[in-house]
Amino acid sequence: MRQKRRNFTAAFKTKVVLEALKERKTIQQLAVKFDVHPNQITTWKKQVLSNGGAAFDNSDSNSELEKTLAQLD
């Protein structure tokens, strides 16, 4: 019988990636600690580093806020 695919929460992924970015332990050590494949940690880390600027980009939220305020007036 096949195993069910595991789904990880965003909070868990963030925790793992932050640990990886601290570089206090190797990816292999983190993989054992969190019971995740090392390639998965590397993939999550690349995703965070490539999309990290989006966390500080407020252009979309500002435009939505302006639209909402315009509708209220």
Protein backbone atom coordinates (compact mmCIF):
# COMPACT_ATOMS: atom_id res chain seq x y z
CA MET A 1 0.00 0.00 0.00
CA ARG A 2 1.24 3.47 -0.87
CA GLN A 3 1.98 6.02 1.79
CA LYS A 4 -0.04 9.19 1.88
CA ARG A 5 1.84 12.25 0.68
CA ARG A 6 2.80 14.54 3.55
CA ASN A 7 1.71 18.16 3.47
CA PHE A 8 3.75 20.71 5.39
CA THR A 9 2.36 23.95 6.74
CA ALA A 10 3.88 27.29 5.82
CA ALA A 11 4.90 27.78 9.45
CA PHE A 12 6.83 24.49 9.44
CA LYS A 13 8.56 25.33 6.15
CA THR A 14 9.50 28.76 7.48
CA LYS A 15 10.93 27.25 10.64
CA VAL A 16 13.05 24.79 8.65
CA VAL A 17 14.28 27.43 6.20
CA LEU A 18 15.20 29.87 8.98
CA GLU A 19 17.23 27.13 10.63
CA ALA A 20 18.93 26.41 7.29
CA LEU A 21 19.72 30.09 6.76
CA LYS A 22 21.36 30.34 10.18
CA GLU A 23 23.89 27.76 8.95
CA ARG A 24 24.53 26.44 12.46
CA LYS A 25 23.79 22.89 11.29
CA THR A 26 24.23 21.21 7.94
CA ILE A 27 21.30 20.53 5.64
CA GLN A 28 21.73 16.83 6.41
CA GLN A 29 21.51 17.44 10.16
CA LEU A 30 18.38 19.55 9.69
CA ALA A 31 16.86 16.86 7.48
CA VAL A 32 17.27 14.31 10.25
CA LYS A 33 16.02 16.72 12.90
CA PHE A 34 12.85 17.68 11.00
CA ASP A 35 12.35 14.33 9.20
CA VAL A 36 12.45 15.93 5.75
CA HIS A 37 14.57 15.05 2.71
CA PRO A 38 17.62 17.35 2.29
CA ASN A 39 16.58 18.20 -1.29
CA GLN A 40 13.25 19.46 0.04
CA ILE A 41 14.99 21.83 2.45
CA THR A 42 17.18 23.10 -0.38
CA THR A 43 14.12 23.66 -2.58
CA TRP A 44 12.29 25.58 0.15
CA LYS A 45 15.40 27.66 0.80
CA LYS A 46 15.70 28.57 -2.90
CA GLN A 47 12.01 29.53 -2.99
CA VAL A 48 12.41 31.84 0.00
CA LEU A 49 15.53 33.45 -1.39
CA SER A 50 14.01 34.00 -4.84
CA ASN A 51 10.69 35.33 -3.51
CA GLY A 52 12.02 37.08 -0.44
CA GLY A 53 11.58 40.53 -1.95
CA ALA A 54 7.84 39.96 -2.24
CA ALA A 55 7.56 40.10 1.54
CA PHE A 56 8.61 43.75 1.45
CA ASP A 57 6.71 44.73 -1.69
CA ASN A 58 3.67 46.74 -0.60
CA SER A 59 2.61 47.98 -4.04
CA ASP A 60 -0.26 45.48 -4.38
CA SER A 61 -1.57 45.97 -0.87
CA ASN A 62 -1.28 49.75 -1.18
CA SER A 63 -3.28 49.81 -4.41
CA GLU A 64 -5.98 47.60 -2.86
CA LEU A 65 -6.12 49.87 0.16
CA GLU A 66 -6.47 52.93 -2.05
CA LYS A 67 -9.32 51.29 -4.00
CA THR A 68 -11.13 50.44 -0.80
CA LEU A 69 -10.72 53.96 0.52
CA ALA A 70 -11.98 55.41 -2.77
CA GLN A 71 -15.10 53.25 -2.58
CA LEU A 72 -15.81 54.44 0.94
CA ASP A 73 -15.74 58.11 -0.08
